[in-house]
């Protein structure tokens, strides 16, 4: 998209892989390894780690950024749109101060989560604050109206809380 920040790589396109799921999966996993295992991204001068627990042969965080929950079976299923955007989390994290992004916080289960949102492309990266590091929790598309409205409300509340008292 012409309005994309210069630092945002192109999304992948599953159709370019001619239906070859195994090749596509290997490609997106290579990108995850490059960006998070072999590289050390940081957010606000804090290293970004990920959940390295192995599930089905790959790290839990990899599955969280490439799949979603099927609400009928409660199983994780591949989400092609998430998969195609695997090149995005690292640059979004590393450019979190760019004006193309909005940053906010929320609390989930008594933990502080940082939301880095590329609103114009409907994509959100979620980090969790730990003592000395940030953990990549997930990343997903935000094109559903209720999801966008919730994020706008959370972001606006966060920004309001950042204002100094009068």
C-alpha atoms as a PDB file:
ATOM      1  CA  UNK A   1       0.000   0.000   0.000  1.00  0.00           C
ATOM      2  CA  UNK A   2       1.421   3.407  -0.950  1.00  0.00           C
ATOM      3  CA  UNK A   3       0.767   4.944   2.493  1.00  0.00           C
ATOM      4  CA  UNK A   4       2.705   2.238   4.297  1.00  0.00           C
ATOM      5  CA  UNK A   5       5.718   3.295   6.329  1.00  0.00           C
ATOM      6  CA  UNK A   6       9.000   2.735   4.489  1.00  0.00           C
ATOM      7  CA  UNK A   7      10.118   0.227   7.141  1.00  0.00           C
ATOM      8  CA  UNK A   8       7.120  -2.123   6.742  1.00  0.00           C
ATOM      9  CA  UNK A   9       7.971  -5.144   4.571  1.00  0.00           C
ATOM     10  CA  UNK A  10       5.516  -6.558   2.087  1.00  0.00           C
ATOM     11  CA  UNK A  11       3.120  -9.143   3.426  1.00  0.00           C
ATOM     12  CA  UNK A  12       3.493 -12.593   1.960  1.00  0.00           C
ATOM     13  CA  UNK A  13       0.789 -14.029  -0.260  1.00  0.00           C
ATOM     14  CA  UNK A  14      -0.208 -17.641   0.277  1.00  0.00           C
ATOM     15  CA  UNK A  15      -1.347 -17.941  -3.349  1.00  0.00           C
ATOM     16  CA  UNK A  16       2.264 -17.337  -4.443  1.00  0.00           C
ATOM     17  CA  UNK A  17       3.057 -20.729  -2.922  1.00  0.00           C
ATOM     18  CA  UNK A  18       0.628 -22.472  -5.310  1.00  0.00           C
ATOM     19  CA  UNK A  19      -1.217 -24.198  -2.476  1.00  0.00           C
ATOM     20  CA  UNK A  20       1.994 -25.591  -1.031  1.00  0.00           C
ATOM     21  CA  UNK A  21       1.182 -25.360   2.683  1.00  0.00           C
ATOM     22  CA  UNK A  22       4.381 -27.108   3.813  1.00  0.00           C
ATOM     23  CA  UNK A  23       6.583 -24.697   1.840  1.00  0.00           C
ATOM     24  CA  UNK A  24       4.565 -21.704   3.065  1.00  0.00           C
ATOM     25  CA  UNK A  25       4.790 -22.884   6.680  1.00  0.00           C
ATOM     26  CA  UNK A  26       8.551 -23.391   6.337  1.00  0.00           C
ATOM     27  CA  UNK A  27       8.918 -19.886   4.899  1.00  0.00           C
ATOM     28  CA  UNK A  28       6.977 -18.149   7.651  1.00  0.00           C
ATOM     29  CA  UNK A  29       8.783 -20.160  10.312  1.00  0.00           C
ATOM     30  CA  UNK A  30      12.128 -19.113   8.790  1.00  0.00           C
ATOM     31  CA  UNK A  31      11.003 -15.485   9.100  1.00  0.00           C
ATOM     32  CA  UNK A  32       9.978 -16.023  12.736  1.00  0.00           C
ATOM     33  CA  UNK A  33      13.360 -17.626  13.472  1.00  0.00           C
ATOM     34  CA  UNK A  34      15.223 -14.798  11.730  1.00  0.00           C
ATOM     35  CA  UNK A  35      13.266 -12.060  13.488  1.00  0.00           C
ATOM     36  CA  UNK A  36      12.944 -13.491  16.994  1.00  0.00           C
ATOM     37  CA  UNK A  37      15.360 -16.397  17.507  1.00  0.00           C
ATOM     38  CA  UNK A  38      18.430 -15.185  15.621  1.00  0.00           C
ATOM     39  CA  UNK A  39      17.822 -11.501  16.201  1.00  0.00           C
ATOM     40  CA  UNK A  40      17.120  -9.584  19.352  1.00  0.00           C
ATOM     41  CA  UNK A  41      14.427  -6.991  18.726  1.00  0.00           C
ATOM     42  CA  UNK A  42      13.687  -4.496  21.444  1.00  0.00           C
ATOM     43  CA  UNK A  43      10.813  -2.336  22.573  1.00  0.00           C
ATOM     44  CA  UNK A  44      11.561   0.812  24.557  1.00  0.00           C
ATOM     45  CA  UNK A  45      15.142  -0.408  25.098  1.00  0.00           C
ATOM     46  CA  UNK A  46      13.890  -3.691  26.547  1.00  0.00           C
ATOM     47  CA  UNK A  47      14.625  -6.990  24.791  1.00  0.00           C
ATOM     48  CA  UNK A  48      11.635  -8.764  23.296  1.00  0.00           C
ATOM     49  CA  UNK A  49      11.409 -12.453  24.069  1.00  0.00           C
ATOM     50  CA  UNK A  50       8.800 -15.041  23.142  1.00  0.00           C
ATOM     51  CA  UNK A  51       7.258 -18.154  24.644  1.00  0.00           C
ATOM     52  CA  UNK A  52       9.694 -20.844  23.558  1.00  0.00           C
ATOM     53  CA  UNK A  53       7.547 -23.712  24.819  1.00  0.00           C
ATOM     54  CA  UNK A  54       7.424 -26.203  21.955  1.00  0.00           C
ATOM     55  CA  UNK A  55       3.971 -27.174  20.729  1.00  0.00           C
ATOM     56  CA  UNK A  56       3.615 -29.339  17.637  1.00  0.00           C
ATOM     57  CA  UNK A  57       7.300 -28.840  16.859  1.00  0.00           C
ATOM     58  CA  UNK A  58       7.329 -25.027  16.974  1.00  0.00           C
ATOM     59  CA  UNK A  59       7.335 -22.310  19.622  1.00  0.00           C
ATOM     60  CA  UNK A  60       4.016 -21.350  21.228  1.00  0.00           C
ATOM     61  CA  UNK A  61       4.421 -17.720  20.177  1.00  0.00           C
ATOM     62  CA  UNK A  62       4.875 -18.762  16.546  1.00  0.00           C
ATOM     63  CA  UNK A  63       1.500 -20.509  16.691  1.00  0.00           C
ATOM     64  CA  UNK A  64      -0.080 -17.467  18.361  1.00  0.00           C
ATOM     65  CA  UNK A  65       0.965 -15.123  15.566  1.00  0.00           C
ATOM     66  CA  UNK A  66      -0.056 -17.528  12.792  1.00  0.00           C
ATOM     67  CA  UNK A  67      -3.272 -19.112  14.005  1.00  0.00           C
ATOM     68  CA  UNK A  68      -6.517 -18.385  15.795  1.00  0.00           C
ATOM     69  CA  UNK A  69      -8.876 -20.330  18.028  1.00  0.00           C
ATOM     70  CA  UNK A  70     -11.732 -22.218  16.431  1.00  0.00           C
ATOM     71  CA  UNK A  71     -14.519 -21.449  18.875  1.00  0.00           C
ATOM     72  CA  UNK A  72     -16.300 -24.723  18.177  1.00  0.00           C
ATOM     73  CA  UNK A  73     -13.364 -27.089  18.686  1.00  0.00           C
ATOM     74  CA  UNK A  74     -11.223 -24.779  20.911  1.00  0.00           C
ATOM     75  CA  UNK A  75      -8.238 -25.814  18.741  1.00  0.00           C
ATOM     76  CA  UNK A  76      -5.780 -23.478  17.085  1.00  0.00           C
ATOM     77  CA  UNK A  77      -6.209 -23.391  13.302  1.00  0.00           C
ATOM     78  CA  UNK A  78      -4.001 -21.651  10.740  1.00  0.00           C
ATOM     79  CA  UNK A  79      -5.057 -18.110   9.909  1.00  0.00           C
ATOM     80  CA  UNK A  80      -3.706 -17.270   6.465  1.00  0.00           C
ATOM     81  CA  UNK A  81      -3.973 -13.524   7.031  1.00  0.00           C
ATOM     82  CA  UNK A  82      -1.884 -13.793  10.197  1.00  0.00           C
ATOM     83  CA  UNK A  83       0.575 -16.073   8.418  1.00  0.00           C
ATOM     84  CA  UNK A  84       0.975 -13.666   5.509  1.00  0.00           C
ATOM     85  CA  UNK A  85       1.876 -10.884   7.942  1.00  0.00           C
ATOM     86  CA  UNK A  86       4.617 -12.749   9.832  1.00  0.00           C
ATOM     87  CA  UNK A  87       7.201 -10.287   8.430  1.00  0.00           C
ATOM     88  CA  UNK A  88       5.462  -7.403  10.284  1.00  0.00           C
ATOM     89  CA  UNK A  89       5.758  -7.907  14.085  1.00  0.00           C
ATOM     90  CA  UNK A  90       9.484  -7.226  14.399  1.00  0.00           C
ATOM     91  CA  UNK A  91       9.533  -3.958  12.406  1.00  0.00           C
ATOM     92  CA  UNK A  92       6.347  -2.795  14.137  1.00  0.00           C
ATOM     93  CA  UNK A  93       7.937  -3.443  17.534  1.00  0.00           C
ATOM     94  CA  UNK A  94      11.169  -1.722  16.549  1.00  0.00           C
ATOM     95  CA  UNK A  95       9.386   1.321  15.081  1.00  0.00           C
ATOM     96  CA  UNK A  96       6.822   1.716  17.855  1.00  0.00           C
ATOM     97  CA  UNK A  97       7.500   5.461  18.102  1.00  0.00           C
ATOM     98  CA  UNK A  98       6.666   6.008  14.426  1.00  0.00           C
ATOM     99  CA  UNK A  99       3.594   8.196  13.892  1.00  0.00           C
ATOM    100  CA  UNK A 100       2.059   5.469  11.722  1.00  0.00           C
ATOM    101  CA  UNK A 101       1.566   3.429  14.899  1.00  0.00           C
ATOM    102  CA  UNK A 102      -0.509   3.985  17.979  1.00  0.00           C
ATOM    103  CA  UNK A 103       0.588   2.529  21.276  1.00  0.00           C
ATOM    104  CA  UNK A 104      -1.554   1.828  24.284  1.00  0.00           C
ATOM    105  CA  UNK A 105      -1.758  -0.453  27.276  1.00  0.00           C
ATOM    106  CA  UNK A 106      -4.336  -2.661  28.883  1.00  0.00           C
ATOM    107  CA  UNK A 107      -4.437  -5.166  31.693  1.00  0.00           C
ATOM    108  CA  UNK A 108      -5.165  -8.817  31.149  1.00  0.00           C
ATOM    109  CA  UNK A 109      -5.087 -11.195  34.086  1.00  0.00           C
ATOM    110  CA  UNK A 110      -3.217  -8.626  36.225  1.00  0.00           C
ATOM    111  CA  UNK A 111      -0.522  -8.226  33.594  1.00  0.00           C
ATOM    112  CA  UNK A 112       0.262  -5.094  31.651  1.00  0.00           C
ATOM    113  CA  UNK A 113       0.038  -5.541  27.918  1.00  0.00           C
ATOM    114  CA  UNK A 114       1.359  -3.060  25.390  1.00  0.00           C
ATOM    115  CA  UNK A 115      -0.649  -2.777  22.177  1.00  0.00           C
ATOM    116  CA  UNK A 116       1.222  -1.535  19.117  1.00  0.00           C
ATOM    117  CA  UNK A 117      -1.333  -0.931  16.385  1.00  0.00           C
ATOM    118  CA  UNK A 118      -0.792  -0.245  12.707  1.00  0.00           C
ATOM    119  CA  UNK A 119      -4.347   0.962  12.389  1.00  0.00           C
ATOM    120  CA  UNK A 120      -4.278   1.788   8.667  1.00  0.00           C
ATOM    121  CA  UNK A 121      -3.409  -1.843   7.935  1.00  0.00           C
ATOM    122  CA  UNK A 122      -5.605  -3.325  10.683  1.00  0.00           C
ATOM    123  CA  UNK A 123      -2.761  -5.120  12.427  1.00  0.00           C
ATOM    124  CA  UNK A 124      -1.931  -5.296  16.116  1.00  0.00           C
ATOM    125  CA  UNK A 125       1.121  -6.575  17.986  1.00  0.00           C
ATOM    126  CA  UNK A 126       0.646  -7.440  21.656  1.00  0.00           C
ATOM    127  CA  UNK A 127       3.565  -7.393  24.098  1.00  0.00           C
ATOM    128  CA  UNK A 128       3.505  -8.194  27.791  1.00  0.00           C
ATOM    129  CA  UNK A 129       5.619  -6.384  30.353  1.00  0.00           C
ATOM    130  CA  UNK A 130       7.828  -8.642  32.415  1.00  0.00           C
ATOM    131  CA  UNK A 131      10.445  -7.467  34.911  1.00  0.00           C
ATOM    132  CA  UNK A 132      13.332  -6.636  32.561  1.00  0.00           C
ATOM    133  CA  UNK A 133      11.959  -7.704  29.181  1.00  0.00           C
ATOM    134  CA  UNK A 134       8.891  -7.602  26.985  1.00  0.00           C
ATOM    135  CA  UNK A 135       7.264 -10.788  25.734  1.00  0.00           C
ATOM    136  CA  UNK A 136       5.694 -11.066  22.307  1.00  0.00           C
ATOM    137  CA  UNK A 137       2.266 -12.504  23.101  1.00  0.00           C
ATOM    138  CA  UNK A 138       0.512 -12.418  19.748  1.00  0.00           C
ATOM    139  CA  UNK A 139      -0.224 -10.389  16.617  1.00  0.00           C
ATOM    140  CA  UNK A 140      -3.399 -10.324  14.583  1.00  0.00           C
ATOM    141  CA  UNK A 141      -5.619  -8.509  12.116  1.00  0.00           C
ATOM    142  CA  UNK A 142      -8.036  -5.976  13.582  1.00  0.00           C
ATOM    143  CA  UNK A 143     -10.544  -5.506  10.783  1.00  0.00           C
ATOM    144  CA  UNK A 144     -13.636  -6.585  12.711  1.00  0.00           C
ATOM    145  CA  UNK A 145     -15.700  -3.607  13.815  1.00  0.00           C
ATOM    146  CA  UNK A 146     -16.024  -4.709  17.448  1.00  0.00           C
ATOM    147  CA  UNK A 147     -12.256  -5.383  17.650  1.00  0.00           C
ATOM    148  CA  UNK A 148     -11.412  -1.960  16.222  1.00  0.00           C
ATOM    149  CA  UNK A 149     -13.910  -0.211  18.516  1.00  0.00           C
ATOM    150  CA  UNK A 150     -12.490  -1.962  21.569  1.00  0.00           C
ATOM    151  CA  UNK A 151      -8.926  -1.030  20.576  1.00  0.00           C
ATOM    152  CA  UNK A 152      -9.866   2.589  19.911  1.00  0.00           C
ATOM    153  CA  UNK A 153     -11.544   2.786  23.319  1.00  0.00           C
ATOM    154  CA  UNK A 154      -8.540   1.216  25.085  1.00  0.00           C
ATOM    155  CA  UNK A 155      -6.070   3.415  23.221  1.00  0.00           C
ATOM    156  CA  UNK A 156      -8.023   6.598  23.924  1.00  0.00           C
ATOM    157  CA  UNK A 157      -8.330   5.715  27.607  1.00  0.00           C
ATOM    158  CA  UNK A 158      -4.602   5.015  27.785  1.00  0.00           C
ATOM    159  CA  UNK A 159      -3.773   8.345  26.081  1.00  0.00           C
ATOM    160  CA  UNK A 160      -6.132  10.189  28.434  1.00  0.00           C
ATOM    161  CA  UNK A 161      -4.365   8.632  31.419  1.00  0.00           C
ATOM    162  CA  UNK A 162      -1.005   9.848  30.056  1.00  0.00           C
ATOM    163  CA  UNK A 163      -2.036  13.495  30.213  1.00  0.00           C
ATOM    164  CA  UNK A 164      -0.664  15.431  33.191  1.00  0.00           C
ATOM    165  CA  UNK A 165      -3.248  16.480  35.784  1.00  0.00           C
ATOM    166  CA  UNK A 166      -4.564  20.012  35.427  1.00  0.00           C
END
